[in-house]
Protein backbone atom coordinates (compact mmCIF):
# COMPACT_ATOMS: atom_id res chain seq x y z
CA UNK A 1 -90.75 38.61 10.11
CA UNK A 2 -87.96 40.94 9.08
CA UNK A 3 -86.35 40.50 12.47
CA UNK A 4 -86.57 36.72 12.16
CA UNK A 5 -85.11 36.86 8.68
CA UNK A 6 -82.24 39.08 9.85
CA UNK A 7 -81.53 36.77 12.76
CA UNK A 8 -81.39 33.76 10.48
CA UNK A 9 -79.08 35.56 8.09
CA UNK A 10 -76.75 36.52 10.95
CA UNK A 11 -76.65 32.93 12.13
CA UNK A 12 -75.81 31.71 8.59
CA UNK A 13 -72.98 34.22 8.27
CA UNK A 14 -71.50 33.21 11.63
CA UNK A 15 -71.62 29.57 10.66
CA UNK A 16 -69.82 30.36 7.39
CA UNK A 17 -67.10 32.25 9.20
CA UNK A 18 -66.50 29.44 11.72
CA UNK A 19 -66.63 26.81 8.98
CA UNK A 20 -64.04 28.70 6.97
CA UNK A 21 -61.73 28.96 9.94
CA UNK A 22 -62.05 25.29 10.67
CA UNK A 23 -61.22 24.15 7.16
CA UNK A 24 -58.01 26.14 6.56
CA UNK A 25 -55.39 23.87 4.99
CA UNK A 26 -52.54 23.17 7.42
CA UNK A 27 -48.94 23.55 6.15
CA UNK A 28 -47.59 20.22 4.90
CA UNK A 29 -45.00 19.04 7.41
CA UNK A 30 -41.46 18.50 6.09
CA UNK A 31 -40.77 14.75 5.99
CA UNK A 32 -38.31 13.65 8.64
CA UNK A 33 -34.85 12.99 7.20
CA UNK A 34 -34.08 9.32 6.83
CA UNK A 35 -31.17 8.03 8.89
CA UNK A 36 -27.96 7.94 6.87
CA UNK A 37 -26.80 4.49 5.81
CA UNK A 38 -23.27 5.70 5.04
CA UNK A 39 -20.58 4.06 7.18
CA UNK A 40 -19.04 6.26 9.82
CA UNK A 41 -15.74 6.04 11.63
CA UNK A 42 -15.79 4.60 15.13
CA UNK A 43 -15.73 7.60 17.42
CA UNK A 44 -12.85 7.50 19.89
CA UNK A 45 -11.30 4.29 18.51
CA UNK A 46 -7.80 4.79 17.15
CA UNK A 47 -6.28 2.56 14.51
CA UNK A 48 -3.78 1.37 17.10
CA UNK A 49 -6.57 0.35 19.48
CA UNK A 50 -8.22 -1.49 16.58
CA UNK A 51 -5.05 -3.52 15.97
CA UNK A 52 -4.50 -4.12 19.67
CA UNK A 53 -8.08 -5.25 20.18
CA UNK A 54 -7.64 -7.86 17.44
CA UNK A 55 -4.31 -8.90 18.89
CA UNK A 56 -2.97 -9.28 15.35
CA UNK A 57 -1.35 -7.01 12.78
CA UNK A 58 -2.22 -8.13 9.25
CA UNK A 59 0.67 -7.37 6.91
CA UNK A 60 0.11 -7.04 3.16
CA UNK A 61 2.90 -8.62 1.08
CA UNK A 62 3.81 -9.96 -2.32
CA UNK A 63 6.08 -12.96 -2.72
CA UNK A 64 9.67 -12.33 -3.77
CA UNK A 65 13.11 -13.09 -2.39
CA UNK A 66 14.81 -11.94 -0.26
CA UNK A 67 11.89 -10.05 1.32
CA UNK A 68 9.00 -12.52 1.61
CA UNK A 69 9.25 -15.96 0.05
CA UNK A 70 8.87 -19.65 0.87
CA UNK A 71 11.59 -22.17 1.65
CA UNK A 72 11.64 -25.79 0.43
CA UNK A 73 9.18 -26.81 3.14
CA UNK A 74 6.71 -24.07 2.21
CA UNK A 75 7.45 -21.90 5.24
CA UNK A 76 7.35 -18.14 4.66
CA UNK A 77 10.78 -16.61 5.25
CA UNK A 78 12.71 -13.50 4.21
CA UNK A 79 14.02 -10.22 5.54
CA UNK A 80 10.62 -8.51 5.73
CA UNK A 81 9.04 -11.64 7.18
CA UNK A 82 11.52 -11.87 10.06
CA UNK A 83 11.54 -8.11 10.56
CA UNK A 84 7.74 -8.07 10.89
CA UNK A 85 7.79 -11.03 13.27
CA UNK A 86 10.36 -9.33 15.51
CA UNK A 87 8.59 -5.97 15.45
CA UNK A 88 5.11 -7.30 16.23
CA UNK A 89 6.55 -9.34 19.10
CA UNK A 90 8.01 -6.09 20.43
CA UNK A 91 4.58 -4.47 20.13
CA UNK A 92 2.82 -7.33 21.88
CA UNK A 93 0.65 -8.49 18.99
CA UNK A 94 0.77 -11.43 16.59
CA UNK A 95 1.50 -11.08 12.91
CA UNK A 96 -0.54 -12.40 9.99
CA UNK A 97 0.82 -12.22 6.44
CA UNK A 98 -1.69 -11.60 3.67
CA UNK A 99 -0.63 -11.87 0.03
CA UNK A 100 -2.08 -9.03 -2.06
CA UNK A 101 -2.02 -7.65 -5.57
CA UNK A 102 0.44 -4.77 -5.42
CA UNK A 103 -1.70 -2.57 -7.65
CA UNK A 104 -4.57 -2.90 -5.11
CA UNK A 105 -2.48 -2.28 -1.98
CA UNK A 106 -4.13 0.98 -0.89
CA UNK A 107 -7.62 -0.44 -1.43
CA UNK A 108 -6.70 -3.46 0.69
CA UNK A 109 -5.36 -1.16 3.41
CA UNK A 110 -8.30 1.22 3.56
CA UNK A 111 -10.85 -1.61 3.51
CA UNK A 112 -9.04 -3.14 6.52
CA UNK A 113 -8.27 -6.39 4.74
CA UNK A 114 -4.74 -5.58 5.88
CA UNK A 115 -3.37 -3.25 8.56
CA UNK A 116 -0.17 -2.21 6.80
CA UNK A 117 1.77 -2.48 3.56
CA UNK A 118 5.17 -3.92 4.41
CA UNK A 119 6.86 -5.26 1.33
CA UNK A 120 9.77 -3.14 0.09
CA UNK A 121 7.44 -0.19 -0.39
CA UNK A 122 9.10 2.91 -1.78
CA UNK A 123 8.26 6.14 0.04
CA UNK A 124 6.90 8.77 -2.37
CA UNK A 125 5.19 12.15 -1.81
CA UNK A 126 1.94 10.77 -3.22
CA UNK A 127 1.97 7.78 -0.87
CA UNK A 128 2.79 10.02 2.09
CA UNK A 129 -0.26 12.11 1.21
CA UNK A 130 -2.53 9.06 1.14
CA UNK A 131 -1.07 6.93 3.94
CA UNK A 132 0.89 7.27 7.17
CA UNK A 133 4.42 5.94 6.60
CA UNK A 134 7.13 5.06 9.11
CA UNK A 135 10.68 6.29 9.22
CA UNK A 136 12.75 4.92 6.29
CA UNK A 137 14.46 1.68 7.27
CA UNK A 138 16.22 0.64 4.04
CA UNK A 139 17.55 2.24 0.88
CA UNK A 140 17.12 0.81 -2.60
CA UNK A 141 17.32 1.58 -6.29
CA UNK A 142 15.88 0.22 -9.52
CA UNK A 143 18.00 -1.98 -11.78
CA UNK A 144 17.69 -3.61 -15.18
CA UNK A 145 17.61 -7.40 -15.35
CA UNK A 146 18.35 -9.25 -18.60
CA UNK A 147 19.50 -12.66 -19.76
CA UNK A 148 23.22 -13.02 -19.07
CA UNK A 149 23.83 -13.42 -22.80
CA UNK A 150 22.31 -9.96 -23.40
CA UNK A 151 24.18 -8.08 -20.66
CA UNK A 152 26.77 -6.60 -23.02
CA UNK A 153 24.10 -5.55 -25.51
CA UNK A 154 22.03 -3.62 -23.00
CA UNK A 155 24.98 -2.07 -21.21
CA UNK A 156 24.71 0.34 -24.13
CA UNK A 157 21.41 1.99 -23.23
CA UNK A 158 20.92 3.08 -26.83
CA UNK A 159 19.94 -0.54 -27.53
CA UNK A 160 16.82 -0.12 -25.40
CA UNK A 161 15.12 1.34 -28.47
CA UNK A 162 12.43 -1.16 -29.42
CA UNK A 163 13.26 -3.45 -26.48
CA UNK A 164 10.38 -5.20 -24.72
CA UNK A 165 10.44 -3.87 -21.15
CA UNK A 166 8.38 -5.08 -18.19
CA UNK A 167 7.91 -3.88 -14.60
CA UNK A 168 5.42 -4.46 -11.82
CA UNK A 169 2.26 -2.40 -12.21
CA UNK A 170 2.16 0.71 -9.97
CA UNK A 171 5.68 0.11 -8.69
CA UNK A 172 8.83 2.22 -8.62
CA UNK A 173 10.00 0.13 -11.56
CA UNK A 174 7.00 1.22 -13.59
CA UNK A 175 7.78 4.86 -12.77
CA UNK A 176 11.25 4.34 -14.22
CA UNK A 177 9.91 2.64 -17.35
CA UNK A 178 7.46 5.48 -17.99
CA UNK A 179 9.58 8.49 -17.05
CA UNK A 180 13.25 7.76 -17.76
CA UNK A 181 14.29 9.06 -21.18
CA UNK A 182 16.27 5.92 -22.04
CA UNK A 183 13.02 3.91 -22.14
CA UNK A 184 11.13 6.42 -24.25
CA UNK A 185 11.32 4.29 -27.41
CA UNK A 186 11.01 0.94 -25.65
CA UNK A 187 7.87 -1.21 -25.66
CA UNK A 188 6.71 -1.17 -22.06
CA UNK A 189 4.19 -3.64 -20.60
CA UNK A 190 3.11 -3.73 -16.92
CA UNK A 191 2.85 -7.11 -15.17
CA UNK A 192 1.27 -8.23 -11.91
CA UNK A 193 4.38 -8.71 -9.77
CA UNK A 194 8.16 -8.51 -9.63
CA UNK A 195 8.24 -12.31 -9.70
CA UNK A 196 6.35 -12.11 -13.00
CA UNK A 197 8.98 -9.65 -14.28
CA UNK A 198 11.71 -12.26 -13.83
CA UNK A 199 9.58 -14.97 -15.42
CA UNK A 200 8.93 -12.83 -18.49
CA UNK A 201 12.65 -12.09 -18.99
CA UNK A 202 13.71 -15.68 -18.35
CA UNK A 203 11.14 -17.05 -20.83
CA UNK A 204 12.16 -14.56 -23.50
CA UNK A 205 8.78 -12.81 -23.72
CA UNK A 206 10.52 -9.65 -22.47
CA UNK A 207 14.04 -8.37 -23.09
CA UNK A 208 14.45 -6.19 -19.99
CA UNK A 209 12.89 -6.24 -16.56
CA UNK A 210 13.04 -3.35 -14.09
CA UNK A 211 13.05 -4.51 -10.46
CA UNK A 212 14.18 -3.51 -6.99
CA UNK A 213 17.89 -3.91 -6.41
CA UNK A 214 17.12 -5.79 -3.18
CA UNK A 215 15.17 -8.35 -5.18
CA UNK A 216 18.09 -8.92 -7.51
CA UNK A 217 20.26 -9.82 -4.50
CA UNK A 218 18.18 -12.82 -3.55
CA UNK A 219 16.37 -13.79 -6.73
CA UNK A 220 18.80 -14.06 -9.66
CA UNK A 221 22.21 -15.55 -10.34
CA UNK A 222 23.94 -18.65 -9.01
CA UNK A 223 21.94 -20.78 -6.62
CA UNK A 224 18.57 -19.23 -7.53
CA UNK A 225 15.74 -20.22 -9.87
CA UNK A 226 17.04 -17.60 -12.31
CA UNK A 227 20.70 -18.45 -12.75
CA UNK A 228 20.55 -17.27 -16.37
CA UNK A 229 19.64 -13.68 -15.45
CA UNK A 230 21.90 -10.81 -14.44
CA UNK A 231 21.80 -7.13 -13.56
CA UNK A 232 23.08 -4.75 -16.24
CA UNK A 233 26.15 -2.99 -14.74
CA UNK A 234 25.86 0.75 -14.05
CA UNK A 235 22.25 0.87 -15.26
CA UNK A 236 20.75 2.16 -12.02
CA UNK A 237 17.74 4.40 -11.52
CA UNK A 238 15.59 6.08 -8.86
CA UNK A 239 17.43 5.82 -5.58
CA UNK A 240 14.73 5.41 -2.96
CA UNK A 241 13.87 4.49 0.60
CA UNK A 242 11.51 1.89 2.03
CA UNK A 243 8.88 2.45 4.71
CA UNK A 244 5.88 0.68 6.25
CA UNK A 245 2.50 2.21 5.34
CA UNK A 246 -0.53 2.40 7.62
CA UNK A 247 -3.96 3.94 7.19
CA UNK A 248 -4.05 7.73 7.09
CA UNK A 249 -4.64 9.21 10.53
CA UNK A 250 -2.70 6.63 12.55
CA UNK A 251 -0.31 8.77 14.66
CA UNK A 252 -0.31 6.38 17.62
CA UNK A 253 0.46 3.42 15.39
CA UNK A 254 3.33 5.29 13.74
CA UNK A 255 4.75 6.35 17.08
CA UNK A 256 4.71 2.80 18.44
CA UNK A 257 6.07 1.19 15.27
CA UNK A 258 8.84 3.76 14.83
CA UNK A 259 9.90 3.24 18.44
CA UNK A 260 9.94 -0.53 17.92
CA UNK A 261 12.05 -0.20 14.74
CA UNK A 262 14.59 1.89 16.64
CA UNK A 263 14.65 -0.61 19.51
CA UNK A 264 15.35 -3.47 17.07
CA UNK A 265 18.21 -1.40 15.66
CA UNK A 266 19.55 -0.63 19.13
CA UNK A 267 19.57 -4.25 20.31
CA UNK A 268 21.11 -5.56 17.09
CA UNK A 269 18.11 -7.59 15.89
CA UNK A 270 17.59 -5.56 12.71
CA UNK A 271 21.26 -5.80 11.72
CA UNK A 272 21.28 -9.55 12.38
CA UNK A 273 18.25 -10.16 10.15
CA UNK A 274 19.70 -7.94 7.40
CA UNK A 275 23.04 -9.79 7.47
CA UNK A 276 21.24 -13.13 7.11
CA UNK A 277 19.75 -11.94 3.81
CA UNK A 278 22.83 -10.00 2.60
CA UNK A 279 21.12 -6.63 3.00
CA UNK A 280 23.30 -5.21 5.77
CA UNK A 281 24.71 -2.40 3.60
CA UNK A 282 21.23 -1.05 2.84
CA UNK A 283 19.88 -0.54 6.37
CA UNK A 284 19.22 3.12 7.22
CA UNK A 285 18.25 2.89 10.90
CA UNK A 286 21.40 3.06 13.02
CA UNK A 287 21.66 2.17 16.74
CA UNK A 288 21.40 5.10 19.09
CA UNK A 289 24.62 5.84 20.91
CA UNK A 290 24.38 5.33 24.68
């Protein structure tokens, strides 16, 4: 009896041991990471190949003479327009012009709504840090535009105190309005475009507009829509240079575009276009000597 009892007890203990081993809780597996939904760059596809594959370079512009504007028939013309047409033909792609808000230019570029910013864009250290920019092709400066009747008044910069000043938002003109000491006591208001600057001055809602010198050549004075406006003599600011901006990390694009700019200078095309729009004295790219 005792032996039977001991045997039963041994069997019960063995069963308990095996049951315990079989019911140990397994470690909870780490959930597999979900695939990332964040967009990634196309591996091995350069920005130049992207443009070439489309067969079109989309150029971001704003409308103002003499750079990009429309003639009486509605056709887009201007120095930048013809320059872009000649350069893209040299590169073997078509050109498409896309009007943009200047203040959103970098967003438009990085989202690929446009492939470059080519519209009298001043080269600055900040822009060079954020975008790839070509060799400078034109020089420029900022000037003050007023009604002709007020030219004598504002030739004395002391009279800028309390003056209503406008410039295009996020432009070189705005930099002047905010940083130059002579505008410190003026009443500055940003507007959407350089064309809007001229409209504000002409309508009398602003006293002074700050715009690109190149714009003043083709947009104000006799034979223009703003015959009553003039540039204030000797009131010049922020000498600068223009370049074409592409997305950051576009070395092949820059190399090809820079080479095409130089070729257009060498064969006389760039000088011919500049002369047509009275900008010949501002071109920086000179023909290479043979």
